[in-house]
């Protein structure tokens, strides 16, 4: 039986290293967290939100699921958004997908995997919504990557349409929702030109999108 002692040893070395750099680090973050950012990303093991952006523990609130989906029936995700906005007072919500996403690929190819097939229907809905755009792309890989981007777009819009975000905007809160994508080939985050800070901007973007 593997007791995973080596992981605990890794943790002990990391904790000691952090305390050597900053003796009050853990005591300082123990009682309160004040992150400026909420990250909604994919559960893919190759991506670490804090590491990717060079942020320390306590600086980023995180929610992850398969293919970074924001569903209005997902109480887990909605609870995270509400807590981040109303309790933590985050100033930025980042929806970040990534190229070569296994969930997006499975949805695109209609691969049968079991229970997750029901979850991936959210991605298939995105593909149907943008069917004309995707069909115009001849190269299969480019079409796949475009769907990864379009998924980020739709999930970002879903965040903006939650009552928590819209209530924050209506009250004059400084809150911006961003759509990003991560290129694992280069380790680089890329903006997708989606950054919304008001209901007016949300409505404007909706009008620009052709379905």
N, C-alpha and C. Protein backbone atom coordinates (compact mmCIF):
# COMPACT_ATOMS: atom_id res chain seq x y z
N UNK A 1 0.84 -1.20 0.00
CA UNK A 1 0.00 0.00 0.00
C UNK A 1 0.87 1.25 0.00
N UNK A 2 0.58 2.15 -0.92
CA UNK A 2 1.33 3.40 -1.01
C UNK A 2 0.70 4.42 -0.06
N UNK A 3 1.44 4.84 0.97
CA UNK A 3 0.90 5.77 1.97
C UNK A 3 1.12 7.23 1.61
N UNK A 4 1.74 7.48 0.46
CA UNK A 4 1.95 8.85 -0.05
C UNK A 4 2.81 9.70 0.87
N UNK A 5 3.69 9.06 1.62
CA UNK A 5 4.57 9.82 2.53
C UNK A 5 5.43 10.82 1.77
N UNK A 6 5.78 10.49 0.54
CA UNK A 6 6.65 11.39 -0.24
C UNK A 6 5.96 12.72 -0.53
N UNK A 7 4.62 12.70 -0.64
CA UNK A 7 3.90 13.95 -0.84
C UNK A 7 3.91 14.80 0.44
N UNK A 8 3.80 14.15 1.57
CA UNK A 8 3.87 14.88 2.84
C UNK A 8 5.27 15.46 3.05
N UNK A 9 6.27 14.72 2.59
CA UNK A 9 7.64 15.23 2.69
C UNK A 9 7.83 16.43 1.77
N UNK A 10 7.24 16.37 0.57
CA UNK A 10 7.28 17.52 -0.33
C UNK A 10 6.64 18.73 0.32
N UNK A 11 5.51 18.49 0.96
CA UNK A 11 4.79 19.57 1.64
C UNK A 11 5.63 20.18 2.76
N UNK A 12 6.29 19.35 3.53
CA UNK A 12 7.12 19.84 4.65
C UNK A 12 8.26 20.71 4.13
N UNK A 13 8.87 20.30 3.01
CA UNK A 13 9.95 21.09 2.43
C UNK A 13 9.42 22.42 1.90
N UNK A 14 8.23 22.37 1.28
CA UNK A 14 7.64 23.60 0.75
C UNK A 14 7.30 24.57 1.88
N UNK A 15 6.69 24.06 2.94
CA UNK A 15 6.30 24.91 4.06
C UNK A 15 7.53 25.56 4.70
N UNK A 16 8.60 24.78 4.84
CA UNK A 16 9.83 25.32 5.43
C UNK A 16 10.44 26.39 4.53
N UNK A 17 10.38 26.13 3.23
CA UNK A 17 10.91 27.11 2.27
C UNK A 17 10.13 28.42 2.34
N UNK A 18 8.80 28.32 2.47
CA UNK A 18 7.97 29.52 2.56
C UNK A 18 8.27 30.30 3.83
N UNK A 19 8.44 29.60 4.93
CA UNK A 19 8.72 30.26 6.21
C UNK A 19 10.11 30.88 6.24
N UNK A 20 11.03 30.27 5.50
CA UNK A 20 12.38 30.84 5.42
C UNK A 20 12.34 32.17 4.66
N UNK A 21 11.54 32.20 3.60
CA UNK A 21 11.42 33.44 2.82
C UNK A 21 10.64 34.51 3.57
N UNK A 22 9.61 34.08 4.32
CA UNK A 22 8.72 35.02 5.01
C UNK A 22 8.21 34.34 6.27
N UNK A 23 8.79 34.67 7.39
CA UNK A 23 8.49 33.97 8.65
C UNK A 23 7.04 34.14 9.09
N UNK A 24 6.35 35.19 8.62
CA UNK A 24 4.98 35.44 9.03
C UNK A 24 3.96 35.08 7.95
N UNK A 25 4.41 34.40 6.91
CA UNK A 25 3.53 34.14 5.78
C UNK A 25 2.26 33.40 6.20
N UNK A 26 2.39 32.27 6.87
CA UNK A 26 1.23 31.46 7.21
C UNK A 26 0.36 32.12 8.28
N UNK A 27 0.97 32.77 9.24
CA UNK A 27 0.19 33.45 10.27
C UNK A 27 -0.59 34.63 9.68
N UNK A 28 -0.03 35.25 8.65
CA UNK A 28 -0.67 36.40 8.04
C UNK A 28 -1.92 36.01 7.25
N UNK A 29 -1.91 34.85 6.61
CA UNK A 29 -3.06 34.45 5.80
C UNK A 29 -4.02 33.53 6.56
N UNK A 30 -3.69 33.21 7.79
CA UNK A 30 -4.48 32.22 8.55
C UNK A 30 -5.91 32.69 8.81
N UNK A 31 -6.09 33.92 9.24
CA UNK A 31 -7.39 34.40 9.68
C UNK A 31 -8.25 35.00 8.58
N UNK A 32 -7.66 35.41 7.49
CA UNK A 32 -8.44 36.12 6.48
C UNK A 32 -7.85 35.90 5.08
N UNK A 33 -8.73 35.84 4.10
CA UNK A 33 -8.27 35.81 2.71
C UNK A 33 -8.91 37.00 1.99
N UNK A 34 -8.10 37.70 1.23
CA UNK A 34 -8.57 38.86 0.49
C UNK A 34 -8.09 38.82 -0.96
N UNK A 35 -8.51 37.80 -1.69
CA UNK A 35 -8.07 37.71 -3.10
C UNK A 35 -8.77 38.75 -3.96
N UNK A 36 -8.07 39.25 -4.96
CA UNK A 36 -8.67 40.18 -5.93
C UNK A 36 -9.29 39.44 -7.09
N UNK A 37 -8.94 38.15 -7.23
CA UNK A 37 -9.31 37.42 -8.44
C UNK A 37 -10.04 36.11 -8.13
N UNK A 38 -11.03 35.81 -8.96
CA UNK A 38 -11.65 34.49 -8.99
C UNK A 38 -11.29 33.86 -10.32
N UNK A 39 -10.76 32.66 -10.28
CA UNK A 39 -10.39 31.90 -11.48
C UNK A 39 -11.38 30.76 -11.66
N UNK A 40 -12.04 30.70 -12.80
CA UNK A 40 -12.89 29.58 -13.15
C UNK A 40 -12.22 28.86 -14.31
N UNK A 41 -11.68 27.70 -14.03
CA UNK A 41 -10.88 27.01 -15.04
C UNK A 41 -11.18 25.54 -15.14
N UNK A 42 -10.45 24.87 -15.99
CA UNK A 42 -10.61 23.44 -16.22
C UNK A 42 -9.86 22.65 -15.15
N UNK A 43 -10.34 21.45 -14.88
CA UNK A 43 -9.71 20.58 -13.88
C UNK A 43 -8.44 19.91 -14.38
N UNK A 44 -8.06 20.15 -15.61
CA UNK A 44 -6.89 19.51 -16.22
C UNK A 44 -5.67 19.60 -15.30
N UNK A 45 -5.02 18.47 -15.09
CA UNK A 45 -3.90 18.39 -14.14
C UNK A 45 -2.66 19.13 -14.60
N UNK A 46 -2.63 19.51 -15.87
CA UNK A 46 -1.45 20.19 -16.40
C UNK A 46 -1.47 21.70 -16.17
N UNK A 47 -2.54 22.18 -15.53
CA UNK A 47 -2.70 23.62 -15.35
C UNK A 47 -2.81 23.95 -13.87
N UNK A 48 -1.97 24.86 -13.41
CA UNK A 48 -2.04 25.39 -12.04
C UNK A 48 -2.29 26.88 -12.13
N UNK A 49 -3.46 27.30 -11.65
CA UNK A 49 -3.84 28.71 -11.79
C UNK A 49 -2.85 29.64 -11.10
N UNK A 50 -2.52 29.36 -9.85
CA UNK A 50 -1.57 30.22 -9.11
C UNK A 50 -0.21 30.26 -9.79
N UNK A 51 0.30 29.10 -10.15
CA UNK A 51 1.62 29.01 -10.75
C UNK A 51 1.66 29.72 -12.09
N UNK A 52 0.59 29.53 -12.89
CA UNK A 52 0.54 30.12 -14.22
C UNK A 52 0.62 31.63 -14.17
N UNK A 53 0.00 32.23 -13.15
CA UNK A 53 -0.02 33.69 -13.04
C UNK A 53 0.97 34.23 -12.03
N UNK A 54 1.76 33.37 -11.43
CA UNK A 54 2.77 33.82 -10.48
C UNK A 54 2.19 34.40 -9.20
N UNK A 55 1.07 33.83 -8.75
CA UNK A 55 0.41 34.32 -7.54
C UNK A 55 0.64 33.38 -6.36
N UNK A 56 0.64 33.94 -5.17
CA UNK A 56 0.87 33.17 -3.95
C UNK A 56 -0.46 32.67 -3.38
N UNK A 57 -0.41 31.70 -2.45
CA UNK A 57 -1.62 31.29 -1.75
C UNK A 57 -2.28 32.50 -1.09
N UNK A 58 -3.60 32.57 -1.21
CA UNK A 58 -4.33 33.69 -0.63
C UNK A 58 -4.62 34.79 -1.62
N UNK A 59 -4.02 34.74 -2.81
CA UNK A 59 -4.21 35.80 -3.80
C UNK A 59 -5.22 35.44 -4.89
N UNK A 60 -5.67 34.19 -4.91
CA UNK A 60 -6.54 33.74 -5.99
C UNK A 60 -7.57 32.75 -5.44
N UNK A 61 -8.85 33.05 -5.67
CA UNK A 61 -9.93 32.13 -5.32
C UNK A 61 -10.21 31.29 -6.56
N UNK A 62 -10.40 29.98 -6.40
CA UNK A 62 -10.40 29.09 -7.57
C UNK A 62 -11.60 28.16 -7.59
N UNK A 63 -12.19 28.03 -8.76
CA UNK A 63 -13.18 26.98 -9.03
C UNK A 63 -12.77 26.28 -10.31
N UNK A 64 -12.78 24.94 -10.29
CA UNK A 64 -12.40 24.18 -11.47
C UNK A 64 -13.39 23.05 -11.72
N UNK A 65 -13.64 22.79 -12.98
CA UNK A 65 -14.45 21.63 -13.37
C UNK A 65 -14.05 21.22 -14.78
N UNK A 66 -14.60 20.13 -15.25
CA UNK A 66 -14.28 19.65 -16.59
C UNK A 66 -14.70 20.69 -17.63
N UNK A 67 -13.72 21.21 -18.38
CA UNK A 67 -13.95 22.13 -19.51
C UNK A 67 -14.47 23.50 -19.07
N UNK A 68 -14.17 23.89 -17.83
CA UNK A 68 -14.49 25.24 -17.32
C UNK A 68 -15.90 25.72 -17.68
N UNK A 69 -16.87 24.88 -17.36
CA UNK A 69 -18.27 25.18 -17.67
C UNK A 69 -18.91 25.98 -16.54
N UNK A 70 -19.71 26.98 -16.91
CA UNK A 70 -20.51 27.73 -15.94
C UNK A 70 -21.97 27.50 -16.29
N UNK A 71 -22.60 26.61 -15.53
CA UNK A 71 -23.99 26.26 -15.78
C UNK A 71 -24.88 26.90 -14.72
N UNK A 72 -26.03 27.37 -15.13
CA UNK A 72 -26.94 28.03 -14.20
C UNK A 72 -27.70 27.03 -13.32
N UNK A 73 -27.40 25.74 -13.50
CA UNK A 73 -27.97 24.73 -12.59
C UNK A 73 -26.89 24.11 -11.70
N UNK A 74 -25.67 24.59 -11.82
CA UNK A 74 -24.55 24.05 -11.03
C UNK A 74 -24.42 24.86 -9.74
N UNK A 75 -24.98 24.35 -8.65
CA UNK A 75 -24.97 25.08 -7.38
C UNK A 75 -23.57 25.25 -6.83
N UNK A 76 -22.67 24.33 -7.15
CA UNK A 76 -21.29 24.45 -6.69
C UNK A 76 -20.64 25.70 -7.29
N UNK A 77 -20.69 25.78 -8.62
CA UNK A 77 -20.08 26.92 -9.30
C UNK A 77 -20.75 28.24 -8.90
N UNK A 78 -22.09 28.25 -8.85
CA UNK A 78 -22.81 29.46 -8.50
C UNK A 78 -22.49 29.91 -7.08
N UNK A 79 -22.33 28.95 -6.18
CA UNK A 79 -21.98 29.29 -4.80
C UNK A 79 -20.60 29.92 -4.72
N UNK A 80 -19.67 29.40 -5.51
CA UNK A 80 -18.32 29.98 -5.56
C UNK A 80 -18.37 31.41 -6.06
N UNK A 81 -19.12 31.64 -7.13
CA UNK A 81 -19.21 32.99 -7.69
C UNK A 81 -19.83 33.94 -6.67
N UNK A 82 -20.93 33.52 -6.03
CA UNK A 82 -21.56 34.38 -5.04
C UNK A 82 -20.62 34.71 -3.89
N UNK A 83 -19.95 33.70 -3.36
CA UNK A 83 -19.05 33.93 -2.23
C UNK A 83 -17.90 34.85 -2.64
N UNK A 84 -17.37 34.62 -3.83
CA UNK A 84 -16.25 35.44 -4.30
C UNK A 84 -16.66 36.90 -4.45
N UNK A 85 -17.85 37.11 -5.03
CA UNK A 85 -18.30 38.47 -5.30
C UNK A 85 -18.80 39.17 -4.05
N UNK A 86 -19.66 38.49 -3.29
CA UNK A 86 -20.34 39.15 -2.17
C UNK A 86 -19.56 39.10 -0.86
N UNK A 87 -18.86 38.02 -0.59
CA UNK A 87 -18.13 37.90 0.68
C UNK A 87 -16.67 38.33 0.57
N UNK A 88 -16.02 37.89 -0.51
CA UNK A 88 -14.60 38.21 -0.67
C UNK A 88 -14.37 39.54 -1.38
N UNK A 89 -15.35 39.98 -2.14
CA UNK A 89 -15.22 41.26 -2.84
C UNK A 89 -14.18 41.25 -3.94
N UNK A 90 -14.09 40.15 -4.69
CA UNK A 90 -13.11 40.09 -5.78
C UNK A 90 -13.40 41.19 -6.80
N UNK A 91 -12.37 41.64 -7.47
CA UNK A 91 -12.51 42.69 -8.49
C UNK A 91 -12.48 42.14 -9.91
N UNK A 92 -12.00 40.90 -10.05
CA UNK A 92 -11.88 40.30 -11.38
C UNK A 92 -12.30 38.83 -11.32
N UNK A 93 -13.09 38.43 -12.30
CA UNK A 93 -13.42 37.01 -12.49
C UNK A 93 -12.82 36.60 -13.83
N UNK A 94 -11.98 35.60 -13.81
CA UNK A 94 -11.30 35.13 -15.01
C UNK A 94 -11.83 33.74 -15.38
N UNK A 95 -12.47 33.64 -16.52
CA UNK A 95 -12.86 32.34 -17.06
C UNK A 95 -11.76 31.92 -18.02
N UNK A 96 -11.08 30.85 -17.69
CA UNK A 96 -9.92 30.46 -18.50
C UNK A 96 -10.05 29.02 -19.00
N UNK A 97 -10.13 28.89 -20.31
CA UNK A 97 -10.09 27.58 -20.92
C UNK A 97 -8.68 27.28 -21.41
N UNK A 98 -8.52 26.21 -22.15
CA UNK A 98 -7.19 25.92 -22.70
C UNK A 98 -7.33 25.13 -23.98
N UNK A 99 -6.36 25.33 -24.87
CA UNK A 99 -6.33 24.56 -26.10
C UNK A 99 -6.04 23.10 -25.77
N UNK A 100 -6.47 22.22 -26.64
CA UNK A 100 -6.30 20.78 -26.48
C UNK A 100 -7.03 20.26 -25.24
N UNK A 101 -8.18 20.86 -24.95
CA UNK A 101 -8.99 20.47 -23.79
C UNK A 101 -9.69 19.14 -24.08
N UNK A 102 -9.45 18.16 -23.23
CA UNK A 102 -10.04 16.84 -23.44
C UNK A 102 -11.55 16.85 -23.39
N UNK A 103 -12.13 17.68 -22.51
CA UNK A 103 -13.58 17.75 -22.42
C UNK A 103 -14.19 18.32 -23.68
N UNK A 104 -13.59 19.38 -24.21
CA UNK A 104 -14.08 19.98 -25.45
C UNK A 104 -13.94 19.00 -26.61
N UNK A 105 -12.83 18.29 -26.64
CA UNK A 105 -12.59 17.33 -27.73
C UNK A 105 -13.61 16.19 -27.68
N UNK A 106 -13.89 15.69 -26.47
CA UNK A 106 -14.87 14.61 -26.34
C UNK A 106 -16.26 15.07 -26.77
N UNK A 107 -16.60 16.31 -26.42
CA UNK A 107 -17.90 16.86 -26.81
C UNK A 107 -17.97 17.03 -28.33
N UNK A 108 -16.88 17.50 -28.91
CA UNK A 108 -16.83 17.75 -30.35
C UNK A 108 -16.96 16.44 -31.14
N UNK A 109 -16.35 15.38 -30.63
CA UNK A 109 -16.35 14.09 -31.32
C UNK A 109 -17.50 13.19 -30.88
N UNK A 110 -18.31 13.71 -29.94
CA UNK A 110 -19.43 12.95 -29.39
C UNK A 110 -18.99 11.60 -28.84
N UNK A 111 -17.85 11.62 -28.14
CA UNK A 111 -17.31 10.41 -27.53
C UNK A 111 -18.15 10.01 -26.33
N UNK A 112 -18.50 8.73 -26.23
CA UNK A 112 -19.28 8.25 -25.10
C UNK A 112 -18.33 7.85 -23.96
N UNK A 113 -18.47 8.52 -22.82
CA UNK A 113 -17.58 8.27 -21.69
C UNK A 113 -18.33 7.87 -20.42
N UNK A 114 -19.64 8.01 -20.42
CA UNK A 114 -20.41 7.66 -19.23
C UNK A 114 -21.16 8.86 -18.68
N UNK A 115 -21.14 9.01 -17.37
CA UNK A 115 -21.86 10.09 -16.70
C UNK A 115 -21.47 11.47 -17.23
N UNK A 116 -20.19 11.63 -17.53
CA UNK A 116 -19.70 12.93 -17.99
C UNK A 116 -20.34 13.36 -19.31
N UNK A 117 -20.90 12.42 -20.07
CA UNK A 117 -21.55 12.79 -21.33
C UNK A 117 -22.62 13.85 -21.10
N UNK A 118 -23.33 13.76 -19.98
CA UNK A 118 -24.38 14.73 -19.67
C UNK A 118 -23.80 16.11 -19.43
N UNK A 119 -22.65 16.16 -18.77
CA UNK A 119 -21.97 17.44 -18.50
C UNK A 119 -21.47 18.06 -19.80
N UNK A 120 -20.93 17.21 -20.68
CA UNK A 120 -20.35 17.72 -21.92
C UNK A 120 -21.40 18.21 -22.92
N UNK A 121 -22.66 17.95 -22.64
CA UNK A 121 -23.71 18.49 -23.51
C UNK A 121 -23.72 20.02 -23.47
N UNK A 122 -23.21 20.59 -22.39
CA UNK A 122 -23.07 22.05 -22.33
C UNK A 122 -22.15 22.54 -23.45
N UNK A 123 -21.07 21.78 -23.67
CA UNK A 123 -20.13 22.15 -24.75
C UNK A 123 -20.77 21.92 -26.10
N UNK A 124 -21.52 20.84 -26.23
CA UNK A 124 -22.20 20.57 -27.49
C UNK A 124 -23.23 21.66 -27.81
N UNK A 125 -23.83 22.23 -26.77
CA UNK A 125 -24.74 23.36 -26.98
C UNK A 125 -23.98 24.56 -27.55
N UNK A 126 -22.77 24.77 -27.05
CA UNK A 126 -21.94 25.85 -27.57
C UNK A 126 -21.64 25.61 -29.05
N UNK A 127 -21.29 24.36 -29.37
CA UNK A 127 -20.98 24.02 -30.77
C UNK A 127 -22.19 24.25 -31.67
N UNK A 128 -23.38 23.91 -31.21
CA UNK A 128 -24.59 24.13 -32.01
C UNK A 128 -24.87 25.62 -32.18
N UNK A 129 -24.64 26.37 -31.11
CA UNK A 129 -24.88 27.82 -31.17
C UNK A 129 -23.99 28.48 -32.22
N UNK A 130 -22.75 27.99 -32.34
CA UNK A 130 -21.78 28.59 -33.27
C UNK A 130 -21.50 27.65 -34.44
N UNK A 131 -22.51 26.91 -34.86
CA UNK A 131 -22.33 25.89 -35.90
C UNK A 131 -21.78 26.47 -37.20
N UNK A 132 -22.30 27.60 -37.64
CA UNK A 132 -21.85 28.19 -38.89
C UNK A 132 -20.38 28.59 -38.83
N UNK A 133 -19.99 29.17 -37.71
CA UNK A 133 -18.58 29.58 -37.54
C UNK A 133 -17.66 28.37 -37.60
N UNK A 134 -18.04 27.31 -36.92
CA UNK A 134 -17.20 26.11 -36.86
C UNK A 134 -17.16 25.39 -38.21
N UNK A 135 -18.30 25.32 -38.88
CA UNK A 135 -18.34 24.62 -40.17
C UNK A 135 -17.51 25.33 -41.24
N UNK A 136 -17.28 26.63 -41.05
CA UNK A 136 -16.49 27.40 -42.02
C UNK A 136 -14.99 27.14 -41.89
N UNK A 137 -14.58 26.41 -40.85
CA UNK A 137 -13.16 26.12 -40.61
C UNK A 137 -12.87 24.72 -41.13
N UNK A 138 -12.07 24.63 -42.18
CA UNK A 138 -11.81 23.33 -42.82
C UNK A 138 -10.88 22.45 -42.00
N UNK A 139 -9.85 23.06 -41.41
CA UNK A 139 -8.86 22.29 -40.66
C UNK A 139 -9.45 21.82 -39.33
N UNK A 140 -9.39 20.52 -39.09
CA UNK A 140 -10.01 19.94 -37.90
C UNK A 140 -9.39 20.47 -36.60
N UNK A 141 -8.07 20.61 -36.59
CA UNK A 141 -7.41 21.10 -35.38
C UNK A 141 -7.80 22.55 -35.11
N UNK A 142 -7.83 23.37 -36.14
CA UNK A 142 -8.22 24.77 -35.97
C UNK A 142 -9.67 24.87 -35.49
N UNK A 143 -10.52 23.98 -36.00
CA UNK A 143 -11.92 23.98 -35.58
C UNK A 143 -12.03 23.59 -34.11
N UNK A 144 -11.25 22.62 -33.69
CA UNK A 144 -11.20 22.20 -32.29
C UNK A 144 -10.76 23.35 -31.40
N UNK A 145 -9.70 24.03 -31.77
CA UNK A 145 -9.19 25.15 -30.97
C UNK A 145 -10.19 26.30 -30.94
N UNK A 146 -10.89 26.49 -32.06
CA UNK A 146 -11.90 27.56 -32.09
C UNK A 146 -13.03 27.24 -31.13
N UNK A 147 -13.41 25.98 -31.03
CA UNK A 147 -14.46 25.60 -30.09
C UNK A 147 -13.99 25.82 -28.65
N UNK A 148 -12.71 25.58 -28.37
CA UNK A 148 -12.17 25.88 -27.05
C UNK A 148 -12.36 27.35 -26.72
N UNK A 149 -12.12 28.21 -27.71
CA UNK A 149 -12.27 29.66 -27.51
C UNK A 149 -13.74 30.04 -27.36
N UNK A 150 -14.60 29.48 -28.21
CA UNK A 150 -16.02 29.80 -28.15
C UNK A 150 -16.64 29.32 -26.84
N UNK A 151 -16.12 28.23 -26.31
CA UNK A 151 -16.60 27.76 -25.01
C UNK A 151 -16.28 28.77 -23.91
N UNK A 152 -15.08 29.34 -23.98
CA UNK A 152 -14.72 30.39 -23.02
C UNK A 152 -15.67 31.57 -23.15
N UNK A 153 -15.95 31.97 -24.38
CA UNK A 153 -16.87 33.09 -24.62
C UNK A 153 -18.21 32.83 -23.96
N UNK A 154 -18.80 31.67 -24.24
CA UNK A 154 -20.14 31.39 -23.72
C UNK A 154 -20.16 31.26 -22.20
N UNK A 155 -19.12 30.65 -21.63
CA UNK A 155 -19.08 30.50 -20.16
C UNK A 155 -18.85 31.86 -19.49
N UNK A 156 -18.10 32.74 -20.15
CA UNK A 156 -17.91 34.09 -19.62
C UNK A 156 -19.23 34.84 -19.61
N UNK A 157 -19.99 34.71 -20.68
CA UNK A 157 -21.31 35.33 -20.73
C UNK A 157 -22.22 34.76 -19.65
N UNK A 158 -22.12 33.46 -19.40
CA UNK A 158 -22.93 32.84 -18.34
C UNK A 158 -22.59 33.43 -16.97
N UNK A 159 -21.31 33.70 -16.73
CA UNK A 159 -20.92 34.35 -15.47
C UNK A 159 -21.58 35.71 -15.37
N UNK A 160 -21.53 36.47 -16.46
CA UNK A 160 -22.07 37.83 -16.46
C UNK A 160 -23.57 37.86 -16.27
N UNK A 161 -24.23 36.77 -16.61
CA UNK A 161 -25.68 36.74 -16.51
C UNK A 161 -26.18 36.22 -15.17
N UNK A 162 -25.27 35.91 -14.25
CA UNK A 162 -25.70 35.54 -12.91
C UNK A 162 -26.18 36.78 -12.17
N UNK A 163 -27.14 36.60 -11.27
CA UNK A 163 -27.66 37.75 -10.53
C UNK A 163 -26.62 38.35 -9.60
N UNK A 164 -25.64 37.55 -9.16
CA UNK A 164 -24.59 38.07 -8.27
C UNK A 164 -23.76 39.13 -8.98
N UNK A 165 -23.35 38.81 -10.20
CA UNK A 165 -22.53 39.75 -10.96
C UNK A 165 -23.35 40.97 -11.37
N UNK A 166 -24.57 40.75 -11.83
CA UNK A 166 -25.38 41.89 -12.27
C UNK A 166 -25.77 42.79 -11.10
N UNK A 167 -26.03 42.20 -9.94
CA UNK A 167 -26.32 43.02 -8.76
C UNK A 167 -25.11 43.86 -8.38
N UNK A 168 -23.91 43.27 -8.51
CA UNK A 168 -22.69 44.01 -8.19
C UNK A 168 -22.52 45.19 -9.15
N UNK A 169 -22.78 44.96 -10.43
CA UNK A 169 -22.67 46.04 -11.40
C UNK A 169 -23.70 47.14 -11.13
N UNK A 170 -24.91 46.74 -10.83
CA UNK A 170 -25.97 47.73 -10.59
C UNK A 170 -25.70 48.56 -9.34
N UNK A 171 -24.97 48.00 -8.40
CA UNK A 171 -24.64 48.74 -7.18
C UNK A 171 -23.39 49.60 -7.35
N UNK A 172 -22.78 49.55 -8.55
CA UNK A 172 -21.59 50.36 -8.82
C UNK A 172 -20.28 49.71 -8.44
N UNK A 173 -20.31 48.42 -8.17
CA UNK A 173 -19.09 47.71 -7.80
C UNK A 173 -18.10 47.66 -8.95
N UNK A 174 -16.81 47.72 -8.61
CA UNK A 174 -15.73 47.57 -9.59
C UNK A 174 -15.47 46.09 -9.79
N UNK A 175 -16.08 45.51 -10.81
CA UNK A 175 -15.98 44.08 -11.07
C UNK A 175 -15.91 43.86 -12.57
N UNK A 176 -14.86 43.19 -13.01
CA UNK A 176 -14.67 42.91 -14.44
C UNK A 176 -14.58 41.41 -14.65
N UNK A 177 -15.27 40.92 -15.68
CA UNK A 177 -15.24 39.50 -16.03
C UNK A 177 -14.44 39.34 -17.32
N UNK A 178 -13.44 38.47 -17.29
CA UNK A 178 -12.51 38.30 -18.41
C UNK A 178 -12.61 36.90 -19.00
N UNK A 179 -12.39 36.78 -20.30
CA UNK A 179 -12.29 35.49 -20.96
C UNK A 179 -10.89 35.28 -21.50
N UNK A 180 -10.19 34.26 -20.98
CA UNK A 180 -8.82 33.97 -21.38
C UNK A 180 -8.72 32.53 -21.86
N UNK A 181 -7.61 32.23 -22.53
CA UNK A 181 -7.31 30.84 -22.88
C UNK A 181 -5.82 30.59 -22.68
N UNK A 182 -5.50 29.36 -22.30
CA UNK A 182 -4.12 28.98 -21.98
C UNK A 182 -3.57 28.06 -23.07
N UNK A 183 -2.40 28.42 -23.57
CA UNK A 183 -1.73 27.60 -24.58
C UNK A 183 -0.65 26.79 -23.89
N UNK A 184 -0.91 25.52 -23.66
CA UNK A 184 0.03 24.67 -22.93
C UNK A 184 1.32 24.42 -23.70
N UNK A 185 1.30 24.62 -25.01
CA UNK A 185 2.52 24.41 -25.79
C UNK A 185 3.58 25.44 -25.43
N UNK A 186 3.13 26.63 -25.04
CA UNK A 186 4.05 27.72 -24.72
C UNK A 186 3.99 28.13 -23.25
N UNK A 187 2.97 27.65 -22.52
CA UNK A 187 2.79 28.06 -21.13
C UNK A 187 2.30 29.48 -21.00
N UNK A 188 1.59 29.96 -22.04
CA UNK A 188 1.21 31.38 -22.10
C UNK A 188 -0.31 31.54 -22.06
N UNK A 189 -0.75 32.52 -21.27
CA UNK A 189 -2.15 32.91 -21.22
C UNK A 189 -2.43 33.94 -22.30
N UNK A 190 -3.60 33.84 -22.93
CA UNK A 190 -3.95 34.77 -23.99
C UNK A 190 -5.34 35.36 -23.73
N UNK A 191 -5.47 36.67 -23.96
CA UNK A 191 -6.77 37.31 -23.89
C UNK A 191 -7.56 36.97 -25.15
N UNK A 192 -8.88 36.86 -24.98
CA UNK A 192 -9.75 36.61 -26.12
C UNK A 192 -10.59 37.83 -26.46
N UNK A 193 -10.19 38.98 -25.93
CA UNK A 193 -10.91 40.21 -26.23
C UNK A 193 -12.22 40.34 -25.49
N UNK A 194 -12.39 39.56 -24.42
CA UNK A 194 -13.63 39.59 -23.64
C UNK A 194 -13.31 40.12 -22.25
N UNK A 195 -13.75 41.31 -21.95
CA UNK A 195 -13.60 41.88 -20.61
C UNK A 195 -14.78 42.81 -20.38
N UNK A 196 -15.68 42.38 -19.53
CA UNK A 196 -16.96 43.06 -19.34
C UNK A 196 -17.07 43.59 -17.91
N UNK A 197 -17.50 44.86 -17.80
CA UNK A 197 -17.57 45.49 -16.49
C UNK A 197 -18.92 46.15 -16.24
N UNK A 198 -19.91 45.86 -17.07
CA UNK A 198 -21.23 46.45 -16.87
C UNK A 198 -22.26 45.69 -17.69
N UNK A 199 -23.53 45.86 -17.31
CA UNK A 199 -24.61 45.23 -18.06
C UNK A 199 -24.66 45.79 -19.48
N UNK A 200 -24.35 47.07 -19.63
CA UNK A 200 -24.35 47.69 -20.95
C UNK A 200 -23.32 47.03 -21.86
N UNK A 201 -22.13 46.75 -21.35
CA UNK A 201 -21.11 46.08 -22.15
C UNK A 201 -21.53 44.65 -22.49
N UNK A 202 -22.18 43.99 -21.56
CA UNK A 202 -22.68 42.64 -21.81
C UNK A 202 -23.70 42.64 -22.94
N UNK A 203 -24.65 43.56 -22.89
CA UNK A 203 -25.67 43.64 -23.92
C UNK A 203 -25.05 43.99 -25.28
N UNK A 204 -24.04 44.85 -25.27
CA UNK A 204 -23.37 45.22 -26.50
C UNK A 204 -22.68 44.02 -27.14
N UNK A 205 -22.00 43.21 -26.32
CA UNK A 205 -21.32 42.03 -26.84
C UNK A 205 -22.33 41.02 -27.37
N UNK A 206 -23.43 40.86 -26.66
CA UNK A 206 -24.46 39.93 -27.13
C UNK A 206 -24.97 40.32 -28.52
N UNK A 207 -25.12 41.63 -28.76
CA UNK A 207 -25.60 42.08 -30.06
C UNK A 207 -24.61 41.82 -31.17
N UNK A 208 -23.31 41.82 -30.82
CA UNK A 208 -22.27 41.62 -31.82
C UNK A 208 -22.12 40.16 -32.25
N UNK A 209 -22.56 39.26 -31.38
CA UNK A 209 -22.40 37.83 -31.66
C UNK A 209 -23.51 37.38 -32.60
N UNK A 210 -23.13 36.80 -33.72
CA UNK A 210 -24.13 36.29 -34.66
C UNK A 210 -24.31 34.80 -34.43
N UNK A 211 -25.53 34.40 -34.29
CA UNK A 211 -25.83 32.99 -34.03
C UNK A 211 -26.42 32.33 -35.27
